[in-house]
Structure formats: C-alpha cells, structure tokens
Amino acid sequence: MTVRSTSKTAKPARPGYVCDACGHQPPKWFGRCPECGEWGSVIEASAGPALGAMRNVAPRAPGEPARPIATISAVPARAVATGVSELDRVLGGGLVPGSVVLLAGEPGVGKSTLLLDVAQQWAAGAGSPSLIVSGEESVSQVRLRAERMNTLHEQLYLAAETDLAAVLGHLDAVKPGLLVLDSVQTIAAPGNDGVPGGVTQVRAVTAALVAVAKERNIATVLVGHVTKDGSVAGPRVLEHLVDVVLHFEGDKHSSLRLVRGLKNRFGAADEVGCFEMNESGITSLPDPSGLFLTRYAEPVPGTCVTVAMEGRRALVTEVQALIGATVAGSPRRTVSGLDSARLAMVLAVLQRRTERMALHDKEVFAATVGGIRVVEPAADLAVALAVASAGLNLSMSPRLAAIGEVGLTGEVRRVGAVPRRLAEAVRLGFKYALVPTGCGPSSTGTPAGDLRVEEVSDLRTALHWAARLSAE
C-alpha cells in the first residue's frame, strides 16, 4: 500500500523587480519602467519575506516624552554661517547642525571646488573640525586643489573612502561639525544588495548618514550626480530623505555659476546664489548684474535691457538681436540663453502686429550676455524691442529697461515682481522703463526715484515709446 504525503511542496518565492533609476517596484519585469520611462532600468531584486507586507507593531515607551511646543528650545536648529555668503543666502542663513544637504550638478561644474571652500571656512570660523570624504579622488588630488585655492587649515581633515563603515569610523575619530561626502553614489553599504550608485545602495547609504547626522548634530553635505536630462540621479526617495536639495549649474564656457534651491526645510526654496569660477577657485557674486551688461561707447542697434528674476533676485540682463540675410525657404532662428519657442512667437507677433517688420524670410539671431539663461515671459518685450531695433537700425537708449510678456494679439501682459525689478533698475542708474499697464509706480504705490516709468498696453505703443525715449 502506497502512502501519499499530505504536505504541499513550498513554491519558490517569486522574484521582485525594482527600477534602478526611480525606485519603482513593478509586479513583473519591463523593458521600460512604467513610472519614470527609463529604458533598461528594471532589475531583479531579492524578495524578502516581508516585501510589501504589513507587520503588527506593538507600542513601546518613547525615549523622550512629547512636550508642549512652547517649551522646546529652537537654539539647536539655528543656522551656522558657512562663510560663503551666496551659499548662505540659498540655505537661508547657513548650515543647520544635524541637517543633510544634497548638492547635485553636472561633472566639472565646480561642486568639489565650492565645498572645499565651504569646509575650509567652516574649519576656520565654526569652532569645530570639518571632514571631507572623497570617493572619487585621492587625498593627494584634493590637497593639490586646496593649495591652488589657498584653503589649507589644520582643522580641515581629508579621507578617501568608498565604504560606509570606514566613513562612520572617520566620524568617530575626527568628531567633525561638518561632513562633506563626495559623492554619495560612490559609497557602498555592507550587507546591502546592488552595486555602488544603485537604488538600494544609495538609499541605504543616505538613510544611514541621515540617522548619524541627526544623532550627532553633524551638518552633512552629500554630493550627487545628475542624469542626462539634468535631474538628480538616484531614487526619488533620496530627495525626500534629505533636508535641502541644491542644484549647481553653469556653462563650462562661462565663468558664471548658479546654485539654485529646489527644496529647503529651513528657508525659502526659490533662492539663487551667484558665483564666479576663476583660476584660483570660486568666489561669491553679491552683485552679478554687471556680468550681464555690455558697456558701449555709443548706442548700438539690436540691444535692449530687461530685468529678469532668478528666484527672489532681480538681475539686469542685456538681450541682443541680429537680423541676417534674406534666405529662400526656411531661414534660421538661432538663440543662446533664450527660449527658441518664445523667440519664434515674438517674431510672428512683430511681423503681424506692427508695420515695416518683414521677418519671414530673414535669419534672426538672439542671445543674452554673460552666459545667463532667461526663459521667463517677462523678457518678451525686451526681445521684441531688440529685434525691432536691429531690423529698423534704430538704437535703443542704453538707460532703458523693458519688462513685460507679449501676447499673440500684440498686448503687453502683466508679470510678477515688477516693483522689485524696478528697484534694481533704479539701483543701477537706469532712467527709463517700459512696463505693462497697471504695473507702474502710480498703480502699485511703489517709489520709482529718478526712474521714468511708462506703462504700455501693446507692442506698437512700446515701440513708439522706445523710439521717443531713445531720441531724448
């Protein structure tokens, strides 16, 4: 007689999948991640016994009881100035002890140079050591950069590590007040799956460093990579784990660098810091407007000045335009530092809503000065006046600033922060300004000083006033 076993054979656990770009966990393998759209990023992950399962958690006594908010001191959360004024501006006053900052940017833009200066300033003025852990360069390479920048200090420590356990060992030995990790994608956490830079490793390393920073009140700056489209590399949860997310951007062919705040739990998230890269390192630019203007001996056709907003900062920027030769077929529309789609729209409005402006068969080139990129609609009026000035060979007044968005019917629409823009124009000595209707000092109640402000309702009126003011 045959006896059959009643026990069922356990089925092997189904493999889990995770996107190596955004951290999404699809139910099966896909060639393209259904969440972020990245090709070839879905990989097999180890499926633990509690993957996606809810566990019952028993309550326990808290380590510290909850207290009334009025009895809690805010002194430990006060920001400590780094000594780099433009970075402090973006951070909201400086680095908060125990905070974690993620600084991302393209390779070679100057992230390591900026943070080396920050670490030296912290070591010299904060009263506690600063530690730089480099996973991409040796300590000798960092030392050479420090000699070139003259940022040597006895309280500034360097280490080259790619293992998280070794990094934590350096924290125990140095006990720094500031930790700079360059970069988080190069550090590996022992006991976790995946390769350094993958979703699992980056998440584990960041979570461990956040916990250590909160426990020991260490201000921590993590350097992150960016993807080909300019966004922060790694899982999206990385930006949620940290307190501040900064983006370091700039053209390699220009000396201008911008640090833009994307997230800030301790201050405004729309601030922008300006820096200048030079041979000796990187320096703050508290007044960068002079970089975006050209000084002419005499007025030149094809130029107009606008006041752009970068975060909360008003920057006086010059727009240049050039009308090329007549070309049969499709003429070129080339831009540098401007939005090509908005330029095409402004050209169509100029040709349709004004006289003597035939641009359909002519090449048009438009650019900004100093490497700044202006894509906000408030620059439309300045672009239109620069193109009209080049097409009519009429020089605009170098003391004229034009602010406003141009609509398809030729109207000049309102834009934000006009009082702040006008205040910047007054500070730099401009005499005339063209603004949309309802945005002048008489409408907003803001003083204009010696600045003569004319409100214009449409593009034709703006061209009339620009020619009249240039003749004065």
Protein backbone atom coordinates (compact mmCIF):
# COMPACT_ATOMS: atom_id res chain seq x y z
CA MET A 1 0.00 0.00 0.00
CA THR A 2 1.37 3.36 -1.02
CA VAL A 3 1.20 6.18 1.49
CA ARG A 4 0.98 9.66 -0.05
CA SER A 5 2.33 12.65 1.78
CA THR A 6 -0.25 15.31 2.52
CA SER A 7 2.29 18.12 2.90
CA LYS A 8 2.48 20.50 -0.04
CA THR A 9 5.76 21.40 -1.55
CA ALA A 10 6.55 25.07 -0.86
CA LYS A 11 6.61 27.16 -4.00
CA PRO A 12 9.71 29.16 -4.64
CA ALA A 13 9.35 32.83 -3.88
CA ARG A 14 8.61 34.97 -6.92
CA PRO A 15 11.43 37.35 -7.77
CA GLY A 16 10.85 41.04 -7.14
CA TYR A 17 11.76 43.82 -9.52
CA VAL A 18 12.86 47.39 -8.89
CA CYS A 19 13.71 50.31 -11.15
CA ASP A 20 17.35 51.30 -10.73
CA ALA A 21 16.52 54.91 -11.73
CA CYS A 22 13.47 55.87 -9.65
CA GLY A 23 12.98 53.01 -7.16
CA HIS A 24 9.58 51.91 -8.53
CA GLN A 25 8.72 48.24 -7.87
CA PRO A 26 6.67 46.85 -10.79
CA PRO A 27 4.94 43.44 -10.40
CA LYS A 28 6.93 41.98 -13.29
CA TRP A 29 9.89 42.79 -15.49
CA PHE A 30 9.53 45.58 -18.03
CA GLY A 31 11.99 46.75 -20.63
CA ARG A 32 10.92 50.30 -19.81
CA CYS A 33 9.99 51.48 -16.33
CA PRO A 34 6.27 52.35 -16.23
CA GLU A 35 6.92 55.07 -13.63
CA CYS A 36 9.85 57.13 -14.97
CA GLY A 37 10.05 55.85 -18.55
CA GLU A 38 13.74 54.87 -18.37
CA TRP A 39 14.79 52.02 -20.67
CA GLY A 40 16.69 49.04 -19.26
CA SER A 41 16.49 50.23 -15.65
CA VAL A 42 14.23 47.47 -14.23
CA ILE A 43 16.38 44.84 -12.50
CA GLU A 44 15.65 41.82 -10.33
CA ALA A 45 15.76 42.45 -6.59
CA SER A 46 15.83 40.00 -3.74
CA ALA A 47 12.31 39.47 -2.41
CA GLY A 48 12.42 39.35 1.37
CA PRO A 49 9.75 37.59 3.39
CA ALA A 50 8.18 40.90 4.40
CA LEU A 51 8.29 42.57 1.00
CA GLY A 52 5.16 44.67 0.73
CA ALA A 53 3.63 43.04 3.81
CA MET A 54 2.22 44.85 6.82
CA ARG A 55 3.55 43.87 10.22
CA ASN A 56 1.89 44.37 13.54
CA VAL A 57 3.95 46.77 15.65
CA ALA A 58 3.45 46.71 19.40
CA PRO A 59 3.62 50.10 21.18
CA ARG A 60 6.54 50.82 23.48
CA ALA A 61 7.60 53.58 25.81
CA PRO A 62 9.15 56.50 23.90
CA GLY A 63 12.70 57.55 24.61
CA GLU A 64 11.57 61.12 25.30
CA PRO A 65 8.00 62.16 26.08
CA ALA A 66 6.19 64.69 23.95
CA ARG A 67 6.37 68.25 25.26
CA PRO A 68 4.44 71.46 24.60
CA ILE A 69 5.94 73.24 21.62
CA ALA A 70 6.44 76.47 23.58
CA THR A 71 8.82 74.71 25.97
CA ILE A 72 11.11 73.38 23.24
CA SER A 73 14.27 75.40 22.52
CA ALA A 74 14.98 76.37 18.91
CA VAL A 75 18.65 77.16 19.57
CA PRO A 76 19.98 73.76 18.32
CA ALA A 77 18.27 74.38 14.97
CA ARG A 78 19.83 77.80 14.39
CA ALA A 79 21.80 78.03 11.17
CA VAL A 80 25.58 78.43 11.35
CA ALA A 81 27.06 80.66 8.65
CA THR A 82 29.46 78.84 6.34
CA GLY A 83 31.43 81.97 5.42
CA VAL A 84 30.38 81.69 1.76
CA SER A 85 27.81 84.47 1.51
CA GLU A 86 25.99 83.31 -1.63
CA LEU A 87 25.62 79.75 -0.35
CA ASP A 88 24.32 81.06 2.97
CA ARG A 89 21.78 83.10 1.02
CA VAL A 90 20.40 79.97 -0.66
CA LEU A 91 20.49 77.89 2.54
CA GLY A 92 18.59 80.53 4.50
CA GLY A 93 21.46 81.77 6.66
CA GLY A 94 23.83 78.81 6.75
CA LEU A 95 24.02 75.12 7.62
CA VAL A 96 21.85 73.83 10.45
CA PRO A 97 23.60 71.30 12.74
CA GLY A 98 22.13 67.87 12.06
CA SER A 99 20.81 68.83 8.63
CA VAL A 100 21.59 66.91 5.44
CA VAL A 101 22.09 68.84 2.19
CA LEU A 102 22.14 67.22 -1.26
CA LEU A 103 24.15 69.20 -3.83
CA ALA A 104 23.78 67.96 -7.39
CA GLY A 105 25.33 69.18 -10.61
CA GLU A 106 26.97 68.17 -13.85
CA PRO A 107 30.55 66.84 -13.80
CA GLY A 108 33.15 69.59 -13.84
CA VAL A 109 30.80 72.41 -12.90
CA GLY A 110 32.66 73.10 -9.64
CA LYS A 111 30.87 71.20 -6.86
CA SER A 112 34.06 69.90 -5.22
CA THR A 113 35.72 73.31 -5.51
CA LEU A 114 32.82 75.06 -3.82
CA LEU A 115 32.57 72.53 -0.99
CA LEU A 116 36.32 72.62 -0.36
CA ASP A 117 35.99 76.36 0.21
CA VAL A 118 32.98 75.79 2.46
CA ALA A 119 34.83 73.16 4.51
CA GLN A 120 37.82 75.49 4.99
CA GLN A 121 35.60 78.40 6.02
CA TRP A 122 33.78 76.14 8.49
CA ALA A 123 37.03 74.86 9.99
CA ALA A 124 38.31 78.40 10.39
CA GLY A 125 35.24 80.02 11.87
CA ALA A 126 32.76 77.48 13.26
CA GLY A 127 34.96 76.21 16.08
CA SER A 128 34.70 72.53 15.09
CA PRO A 129 36.59 70.38 12.56
CA SER A 130 35.32 69.69 9.07
CA LEU A 131 35.79 66.38 7.27
CA ILE A 132 35.83 65.78 3.52
CA VAL A 133 35.40 62.16 2.43
CA SER A 134 36.16 61.72 -1.26
CA GLY A 135 35.12 58.58 -3.07
CA GLU A 136 36.20 59.83 -6.50
CA GLU A 137 39.60 61.43 -5.84
CA SER A 138 42.61 60.61 -3.72
CA VAL A 139 43.62 62.79 -0.80
CA SER A 140 46.64 63.99 -2.80
CA GLN A 141 44.40 65.28 -5.58
CA VAL A 142 42.25 67.15 -3.09
CA ARG A 143 45.37 68.55 -1.43
CA LEU A 144 46.59 69.95 -4.78
CA ARG A 145 43.26 71.72 -5.27
CA ALA A 146 43.41 73.08 -1.73
CA GLU A 147 46.91 74.50 -2.37
CA ARG A 148 45.70 76.20 -5.54
CA MET A 149 42.72 77.70 -3.68
CA ASN A 150 44.75 78.52 -0.53
CA THR A 151 42.28 76.62 1.64
CA LEU A 152 44.67 74.71 3.90
CA HIS A 153 43.69 74.60 7.57
CA GLU A 154 44.70 72.39 10.46
CA GLN A 155 41.05 71.71 11.36
CA LEU A 156 40.21 70.52 7.83
CA TYR A 157 40.52 66.73 7.51
CA LEU A 158 40.59 64.65 4.33
CA ALA A 159 39.89 60.97 3.72
CA ALA A 160 39.43 58.81 0.63
CA GLU A 161 36.89 56.04 1.28
CA THR A 162 34.25 54.10 -0.59
CA ASP A 163 32.96 52.01 2.32
CA LEU A 164 30.22 53.28 4.63
CA ALA A 165 31.68 51.54 7.68
CA ALA A 166 35.01 53.30 7.14
CA VAL A 167 33.23 56.65 6.80
CA LEU A 168 31.49 56.10 10.13
CA GLY A 169 34.88 55.20 11.64
CA HIS A 170 36.30 58.55 10.48
CA LEU A 171 33.36 60.31 12.12
CA ASP A 172 34.18 58.61 15.42
CA ALA A 173 37.85 59.61 15.17
CA VAL A 174 37.53 63.21 13.93
CA LYS A 175 34.17 64.20 15.50
CA PRO A 176 33.55 66.90 12.87
CA GLY A 177 30.88 69.57 12.86
CA LEU A 178 30.68 69.40 9.05
CA LEU A 179 30.85 66.31 6.83
CA VAL A 180 31.23 66.58 3.04
CA LEU A 181 30.73 63.30 1.16
CA ASP A 182 31.84 63.43 -2.47
CA SER A 183 29.89 61.65 -3.75
CA VAL A 184 27.06 59.53 -2.34
CA GLN A 185 26.97 57.36 -5.48
CA THR A 186 30.49 56.05 -4.80
CA ILE A 187 29.88 54.77 -1.24
CA ALA A 188 28.86 51.14 -0.63
CA ALA A 189 26.90 49.99 2.41
CA PRO A 190 27.94 46.50 3.57
CA GLY A 191 25.14 43.97 3.85
CA ASN A 192 23.01 45.56 1.09
CA ASP A 193 22.44 44.25 -2.40
CA GLY A 194 23.36 46.09 -5.55
CA VAL A 195 26.38 47.95 -6.80
CA PRO A 196 27.52 51.37 -5.54
CA GLY A 197 25.36 54.03 -7.16
CA GLY A 198 22.34 51.73 -7.50
CA VAL A 199 18.97 52.40 -5.94
CA THR A 200 19.42 50.02 -3.00
CA GLN A 201 22.92 51.21 -2.12
CA VAL A 202 22.19 54.94 -2.46
CA ARG A 203 19.06 54.62 -0.33
CA ALA A 204 20.88 52.64 2.38
CA VAL A 205 23.89 54.99 2.48
CA THR A 206 21.75 58.12 2.62
CA ALA A 207 19.45 56.72 5.31
CA ALA A 208 22.44 55.75 7.47
CA LEU A 209 24.11 59.15 7.11
CA VAL A 210 20.86 60.99 7.85
CA ALA A 211 20.46 58.98 11.07
CA VAL A 212 24.06 59.69 12.12
CA ALA A 213 23.74 63.40 11.29
CA LYS A 214 20.58 63.75 13.40
CA GLU A 215 22.05 61.78 16.29
CA ARG A 216 25.39 63.65 16.47
CA ASN A 217 24.28 67.09 15.16
CA ILE A 218 26.66 66.95 12.20
CA ALA A 219 25.91 69.25 9.28
CA THR A 220 26.24 66.95 6.27
CA VAL A 221 26.58 67.80 2.59
CA LEU A 222 26.15 64.98 0.07
CA VAL A 223 27.33 65.45 -3.50
CA GLY A 224 25.03 63.79 -6.02
CA HIS A 225 25.26 63.04 -9.71
CA VAL A 226 22.76 64.18 -12.31
CA THR A 227 21.15 62.31 -15.19
CA LYS A 228 21.43 63.24 -18.85
CA ASP A 229 18.32 65.43 -18.59
CA GLY A 230 19.78 67.40 -15.67
CA SER A 231 17.74 65.94 -12.79
CA VAL A 232 19.19 64.48 -9.60
CA ALA A 233 20.35 60.91 -10.17
CA GLY A 234 19.22 58.08 -7.92
CA PRO A 235 15.85 57.14 -6.49
CA ARG A 236 13.27 59.83 -5.93
CA VAL A 237 13.18 58.89 -2.26
CA LEU A 238 16.70 60.33 -1.96
CA GLU A 239 15.34 63.88 -2.25
CA HIS A 240 12.73 63.13 0.42
CA LEU A 241 15.30 61.81 2.90
CA VAL A 242 17.45 64.95 2.94
CA ASP A 243 16.52 68.38 4.32
CA VAL A 244 17.84 70.58 1.50
CA VAL A 245 18.27 69.92 -2.23
CA LEU A 246 20.51 72.29 -4.19
CA HIS A 247 21.35 72.26 -7.89
CA PHE A 248 24.69 73.63 -9.05
CA GLU A 249 24.51 74.73 -12.68
CA GLY A 250 26.54 76.71 -15.17
CA ASP A 251 28.04 76.65 -18.63
CA LYS A 252 31.57 75.28 -18.78
CA HIS A 253 32.45 78.01 -21.29
CA SER A 254 31.30 80.76 -18.93
CA SER A 255 32.61 81.83 -15.53
CA LEU A 256 29.09 82.22 -14.10
CA ARG A 257 27.80 79.53 -11.73
CA LEU A 258 24.39 79.39 -10.07
CA VAL A 259 23.30 77.44 -7.00
CA ARG A 260 19.55 77.02 -7.14
CA GLY A 261 17.46 75.81 -4.23
CA LEU A 262 14.93 73.09 -5.07
CA LYS A 263 13.92 72.11 -1.53
CA ASN A 264 14.68 73.73 1.81
CA ARG A 265 13.15 72.86 5.17
CA PHE A 266 14.88 75.81 6.85
CA GLY A 267 14.23 78.67 4.43
CA ALA A 268 12.93 79.76 1.05
CA ALA A 269 13.14 77.15 -1.70
CA ASP A 270 13.37 79.65 -4.59
CA GLU A 271 16.62 81.44 -3.76
CA VAL A 272 19.56 81.58 -6.17
CA GLY A 273 23.21 82.14 -5.36
CA CYS A 274 25.66 83.51 -7.94
CA PHE A 275 29.34 82.56 -8.14
CA GLU A 276 32.24 83.24 -10.48
CA MET A 277 34.69 80.50 -11.37
CA ASN A 278 38.28 81.64 -11.84
CA GLU A 279 41.79 80.18 -11.77
CA SER A 280 42.13 80.48 -8.01
CA GLY A 281 38.78 78.83 -7.23
CA ILE A 282 35.25 80.08 -6.88
CA THR A 283 34.06 83.38 -5.41
CA SER A 284 30.66 84.74 -4.45
CA LEU A 285 29.00 87.42 -6.57
CA PRO A 286 26.74 89.52 -4.34
CA ASP A 287 26.07 91.92 -7.25
CA PRO A 288 26.24 89.92 -10.51
CA SER A 289 24.21 92.32 -12.71
CA GLY A 290 27.37 93.83 -14.20
CA LEU A 291 28.21 90.47 -15.82
CA PHE A 292 25.10 90.60 -17.99
CA LEU A 293 25.58 94.10 -19.44
CA THR A 294 27.86 95.40 -22.19
CA ARG A 295 29.31 98.89 -21.99
CA TYR A 296 29.15 100.68 -25.34
CA ALA A 297 30.87 103.96 -26.28
CA GLU A 298 27.79 104.77 -28.37
CA PRO A 299 24.30 103.17 -28.56
CA VAL A 300 24.24 100.13 -30.86
CA PRO A 301 21.15 98.84 -32.74
CA GLY A 302 19.91 95.40 -31.77
CA THR A 303 20.22 95.63 -27.98
CA CYS A 304 17.72 96.07 -25.17
CA VAL A 305 17.89 95.59 -21.41
CA THR A 306 15.41 93.71 -19.25
CA VAL A 307 15.27 92.78 -15.56
CA ALA A 308 14.96 89.01 -15.08
CA MET A 309 14.08 87.22 -11.86
CA GLU A 310 16.25 84.32 -10.69
CA GLY A 311 14.37 83.09 -7.65
CA ARG A 312 13.93 86.19 -5.49
CA ARG A 313 16.85 88.02 -7.07
CA ALA A 314 16.43 90.65 -9.78
CA LEU A 315 19.17 90.61 -12.42
CA VAL A 316 19.55 93.31 -15.07
CA THR A 317 20.23 91.44 -18.30
CA GLU A 318 21.01 92.61 -21.81
CA VAL A 319 19.34 90.97 -24.81
CA GLN A 320 21.00 91.20 -28.22
CA ALA A 321 19.47 90.51 -31.64
CA LEU A 322 20.82 90.42 -35.18
CA ILE A 323 18.86 90.29 -38.45
CA GLY A 324 20.74 88.27 -41.06
CA ALA A 325 20.48 87.97 -44.81
CA THR A 326 17.35 87.10 -46.75
CA VAL A 327 17.12 83.35 -47.30
CA ALA A 328 14.74 81.43 -49.53
CA GLY A 329 12.86 78.66 -47.81
CA SER A 330 13.20 78.31 -44.04
CA PRO A 331 15.57 80.88 -42.50
CA ARG A 332 17.47 80.09 -39.32
CA ARG A 333 16.26 81.14 -35.88
CA THR A 334 19.24 80.77 -33.54
CA VAL A 335 19.15 81.58 -29.83
CA SER A 336 21.64 81.48 -26.98
CA GLY A 337 20.35 81.83 -23.44
CA LEU A 338 16.74 82.35 -24.58
CA ASP A 339 13.74 80.13 -25.30
CA SER A 340 13.61 79.38 -29.02
CA ALA A 341 9.83 78.82 -28.95
CA ARG A 342 9.19 82.23 -27.36
CA LEU A 343 11.51 83.90 -29.88
CA ALA A 344 9.54 82.37 -32.76
CA MET A 345 6.30 83.63 -31.20
CA VAL A 346 7.69 87.16 -30.70
CA LEU A 347 8.86 87.26 -34.32
CA ALA A 348 5.41 86.24 -35.55
CA VAL A 349 3.75 88.93 -33.41
CA LEU A 350 6.20 91.58 -34.60
CA GLN A 351 5.53 90.80 -38.24
CA ARG A 352 1.76 90.56 -37.82
CA ARG A 353 1.00 93.41 -35.39
CA THR A 354 3.50 96.08 -36.47
CA GLU A 355 4.42 97.79 -39.72
CA ARG A 356 7.70 97.67 -41.62
CA MET A 357 8.77 94.39 -39.99
CA ALA A 358 9.12 91.65 -42.63
CA LEU A 359 10.93 88.80 -40.89
CA HIS A 360 9.50 85.69 -42.55
CA ASP A 361 12.46 85.32 -44.97
CA LYS A 362 15.30 86.67 -42.82
CA GLU A 363 17.69 84.94 -40.47
CA VAL A 364 17.32 86.03 -36.85
CA PHE A 365 19.88 85.54 -34.09
CA ALA A 366 19.16 86.38 -30.44
CA ALA A 367 21.28 85.94 -27.32
CA THR A 368 21.85 87.08 -23.76
CA VAL A 369 25.11 88.48 -22.37
CA GLY A 370 27.29 86.82 -19.74
CA GLY A 371 26.08 83.23 -20.05
CA ILE A 372 22.80 83.71 -18.14
CA ARG A 373 19.72 81.83 -19.37
CA VAL A 374 16.45 83.80 -19.41
CA VAL A 375 13.33 81.80 -20.24
CA GLU A 376 10.64 83.69 -18.33
CA PRO A 377 7.93 85.50 -20.35
CA ALA A 378 8.88 88.85 -18.76
CA ALA A 379 11.76 89.09 -21.25
CA ASP A 380 9.43 89.02 -24.29
CA LEU A 381 9.18 92.80 -24.56
CA ALA A 382 12.96 93.25 -24.44
CA VAL A 383 13.43 90.56 -27.10
CA ALA A 384 10.82 92.25 -29.33
CA LEU A 385 12.46 95.66 -28.93
CA ALA A 386 15.93 94.24 -29.61
CA VAL A 387 14.71 92.55 -32.82
CA ALA A 388 12.86 95.70 -33.91
CA SER A 389 15.94 97.78 -33.15
CA ALA A 390 18.09 95.51 -35.33
CA GLY A 391 15.51 95.36 -38.12
CA LEU A 392 14.90 99.13 -38.23
CA ASN A 393 18.56 100.03 -37.47
CA LEU A 394 17.36 102.13 -34.53
CA SER A 395 19.48 102.36 -31.41
CA MET A 396 17.67 101.99 -28.10
CA SER A 397 18.63 104.10 -25.14
CA PRO A 398 21.24 102.28 -23.00
CA ARG A 399 19.34 103.54 -19.93
CA LEU A 400 16.05 101.91 -20.98
CA ALA A 401 14.75 98.70 -19.37
CA ALA A 402 11.79 96.81 -20.88
CA ILE A 403 9.69 94.42 -18.78
CA GLY A 404 6.60 92.54 -19.94
CA GLU A 405 5.11 89.47 -21.60
CA VAL A 406 3.95 89.76 -25.21
CA GLY A 407 0.68 88.05 -26.18
CA LEU A 408 -0.33 86.74 -29.60
CA THR A 409 -2.58 89.77 -30.21
CA GLY A 410 0.31 92.11 -29.51
CA GLU A 411 -0.77 93.10 -25.99
CA VAL A 412 1.80 93.53 -23.22
CA ARG A 413 0.72 91.43 -20.23
CA ARG A 414 1.50 91.81 -16.56
CA VAL A 415 4.34 89.90 -14.93
CA GLY A 416 5.29 89.31 -11.32
CA ALA A 417 7.69 91.18 -9.02
CA VAL A 418 7.64 94.41 -11.06
CA PRO A 419 8.41 96.64 -8.01
CA ARG A 420 11.49 94.54 -7.25
CA ARG A 421 12.60 94.71 -10.87
CA LEU A 422 12.17 98.49 -10.97
CA ALA A 423 14.07 98.88 -7.70
CA GLU A 424 17.02 97.02 -9.25
CA ALA A 425 16.87 99.25 -12.34
CA VAL A 426 16.88 102.34 -10.11
CA ARG A 427 19.87 101.00 -8.16
CA LEU A 428 21.89 100.57 -11.34
CA GLY A 429 21.11 104.06 -12.62
CA PHE A 430 18.56 103.41 -15.37
CA LYS A 431 16.46 106.43 -16.41
CA TYR A 432 13.56 104.86 -18.34
CA ALA A 433 11.44 101.74 -18.01
CA LEU A 434 8.59 100.26 -20.06
CA VAL A 435 6.18 98.11 -18.06
CA PRO A 436 2.70 96.63 -18.68
CA THR A 437 -0.39 98.67 -17.90
CA GLY A 438 -1.18 98.64 -14.19
CA CYS A 439 2.40 97.84 -13.11
CA GLY A 440 3.79 101.37 -12.82
CA PRO A 441 4.58 103.19 -9.56
CA SER A 442 1.26 105.05 -9.69
CA SER A 443 -0.64 101.75 -9.82
CA THR A 444 1.44 99.76 -7.32
CA GLY A 445 2.25 102.61 -4.95
CA THR A 446 5.99 101.91 -5.01
CA PRO A 447 8.52 104.78 -5.34
CA ALA A 448 10.46 104.96 -8.60
CA GLY A 449 13.03 107.61 -7.66
CA ASP A 450 14.53 109.22 -10.74
CA LEU A 451 13.26 106.40 -12.98
CA ARG A 452 10.70 107.44 -15.57
CA VAL A 453 8.22 104.59 -15.95
CA GLU A 454 5.87 104.40 -18.94
CA GLU A 455 3.00 101.91 -18.98
CA VAL A 456 2.38 100.35 -22.41
CA SER A 457 -0.66 98.33 -23.39
CA ASP A 458 0.57 96.76 -26.63
CA LEU A 459 3.70 96.17 -28.65
CA ARG A 460 3.06 99.04 -31.05
CA THR A 461 2.85 101.51 -28.17
CA ALA A 462 6.03 100.08 -26.68
CA LEU A 463 7.91 100.61 -29.97
CA HIS A 464 6.64 104.18 -30.09
CA TRP A 465 7.82 104.97 -26.56
CA ALA A 466 11.16 103.22 -27.08
CA ALA A 467 11.89 105.36 -30.14
CA ARG A 468 10.76 108.52 -28.34
CA LEU A 469 12.83 107.87 -25.24
CA SER A 470 15.88 107.00 -27.30
CA ALA A 471 15.65 110.37 -29.05
CA GLU A 472 15.68 112.33 -25.75
